[in-house]
Amino acid sequence: MKIIDVPFGTLDWSTVEPTVHQGVTGQALWRTLEIGNIRVRMVEYTPGYLADHWCSRGHVLLVLEGELDTELSDGRTFKLKPGMSYHVADGAEPHRSSTATGAKLFIVD
């Protein structure tokens, strides 16, 4: 990832209004900062959340709270706990998220 046109800055995430994104079940609450050529998000999944799509966008994702289940389109699954992360390139491996208990994530893409 090459970060372009992003000056130094700080952000209090609690001041960013969340947007609601419905899953097949549950909801994702996104607090989003788009700056330069990147999108940075603080995302909270409600308990029982299942994404409504397979994502092909590249991400660096860090689990802050809860547990995240990530499924790849080839059938592999991964359980991430707080302090764990994943990274994937644009178009590399379609993936989708779910959580039984809820999760809070920090995502850069």
Protein backbone atom coordinates (compact mmCIF):
# COMPACT_ATOMS: atom_id res chain seq x y z
CA MET A 1 0.00 0.00 0.00
CA LYS A 2 1.33 3.39 -0.93
CA ILE A 3 -0.23 6.19 1.11
CA ILE A 4 -0.51 9.42 -0.89
CA ASP A 5 -1.60 12.95 0.13
CA VAL A 6 -2.25 12.15 3.77
CA PRO A 7 -0.96 14.83 6.15
CA PHE A 8 -0.31 14.07 9.81
CA GLY A 9 -3.50 14.13 11.83
CA THR A 10 -5.25 12.76 14.88
CA LEU A 11 -8.85 11.60 15.23
CA ASP A 12 -11.14 10.96 18.16
CA TRP A 13 -13.22 8.11 16.71
CA SER A 14 -16.06 8.80 19.14
CA THR A 15 -16.75 12.04 17.24
CA VAL A 16 -17.34 10.25 13.91
CA GLU A 17 -21.01 9.45 13.29
CA PRO A 18 -21.52 5.77 12.44
CA THR A 19 -23.31 4.57 9.34
CA VAL A 20 -25.35 1.37 9.54
CA HIS A 21 -24.77 -1.46 7.06
CA GLN A 22 -27.18 -4.38 7.20
CA GLY A 23 -25.80 -7.90 6.98
CA VAL A 24 -27.71 -11.05 6.10
CA THR A 25 -28.13 -11.05 9.86
CA GLY A 26 -27.06 -8.32 12.26
CA GLN A 27 -25.52 -4.96 11.48
CA ALA A 28 -22.14 -3.36 10.89
CA LEU A 29 -21.61 0.14 12.28
CA TRP A 30 -18.88 1.98 10.36
CA ARG A 31 -17.05 5.10 11.51
CA THR A 32 -15.13 6.10 8.39
CA LEU A 33 -12.34 8.50 7.49
CA GLU A 34 -11.51 8.84 3.79
CA ILE A 35 -8.29 10.72 3.31
CA GLY A 36 -5.89 10.82 0.38
CA ASN A 37 -6.05 7.42 -1.28
CA ILE A 38 -7.04 5.42 1.80
CA ARG A 39 -10.13 4.60 3.80
CA VAL A 40 -9.72 4.04 7.54
CA ARG A 41 -12.60 2.58 9.56
CA MET A 42 -13.56 1.66 13.08
CA VAL A 43 -16.19 -1.04 12.58
CA GLU A 44 -18.45 -2.72 15.12
CA TYR A 45 -20.39 -5.89 14.25
CA THR A 46 -23.41 -6.74 16.34
CA PRO A 47 -23.71 -10.26 17.75
CA GLY A 48 -24.93 -12.66 15.07
CA TYR A 49 -23.61 -10.54 12.19
CA LEU A 50 -23.07 -12.21 8.79
CA ALA A 51 -21.86 -10.10 5.85
CA ASP A 52 -24.25 -9.90 2.90
CA HIS A 53 -21.47 -10.12 0.29
CA TRP A 54 -18.09 -11.58 -0.58
CA CYS A 55 -15.52 -8.79 -0.49
CA SER A 56 -12.64 -8.58 -3.00
CA ARG A 57 -11.15 -5.34 -1.68
CA GLY A 58 -7.76 -5.47 0.00
CA HIS A 59 -7.60 -4.70 3.72
CA VAL A 60 -5.41 -4.66 6.76
CA LEU A 61 -7.75 -5.52 9.64
CA LEU A 62 -7.07 -5.64 13.39
CA VAL A 63 -9.51 -7.12 15.91
CA LEU A 64 -9.81 -4.84 18.96
CA GLU A 65 -12.63 -6.61 20.82
CA GLY A 66 -14.74 -9.74 20.46
CA GLU A 67 -14.18 -12.54 17.95
CA LEU A 68 -14.31 -12.38 14.16
CA ASP A 69 -14.84 -15.33 11.85
CA THR A 70 -13.46 -14.81 8.35
CA GLU A 71 -14.38 -17.21 5.55
CA LEU A 72 -12.58 -17.30 2.22
CA SER A 73 -14.47 -18.25 -0.94
CA ASP A 74 -12.36 -21.42 -1.20
CA GLY A 75 -13.88 -22.64 2.09
CA ARG A 76 -11.02 -21.88 4.50
CA THR A 77 -12.08 -20.24 7.76
CA PHE A 78 -10.17 -18.26 10.37
CA LYS A 79 -11.14 -17.18 13.89
CA LEU A 80 -9.52 -13.93 14.98
CA LYS A 81 -9.42 -12.76 18.59
CA PRO A 82 -8.35 -9.39 20.05
CA GLY A 83 -4.83 -8.50 18.98
CA MET A 84 -5.00 -10.65 15.83
CA SER A 85 -5.06 -9.24 12.31
CA TYR A 86 -5.31 -10.25 8.69
CA HIS A 87 -4.13 -8.71 5.46
CA VAL A 88 -5.22 -9.41 1.90
CA ALA A 89 -4.58 -7.70 -1.43
CA ASP A 90 -7.19 -6.26 -3.78
CA GLY A 91 -8.75 -9.09 -5.81
CA ALA A 92 -6.64 -11.77 -4.11
CA GLU A 93 -9.12 -13.92 -2.18
CA PRO A 94 -12.79 -13.06 -1.77
CA HIS A 95 -13.72 -13.12 1.91
CA ARG A 96 -16.64 -12.43 4.21
CA SER A 97 -17.03 -11.80 7.91
CA SER A 98 -19.30 -13.06 10.64
CA THR A 99 -19.36 -13.05 14.43
CA ALA A 100 -21.45 -14.88 16.99
CA THR A 101 -20.52 -12.59 19.87
CA GLY A 102 -19.90 -9.22 18.19
CA ALA A 103 -16.58 -7.61 17.30
CA LYS A 104 -14.84 -4.24 17.08
CA LEU A 105 -12.29 -3.81 14.29
CA PHE A 106 -9.84 -1.27 12.93
CA ILE A 107 -9.53 -1.51 9.14
CA VAL A 108 -7.32 0.26 6.60
CA ASP A 109 -7.96 -0.12 2.87
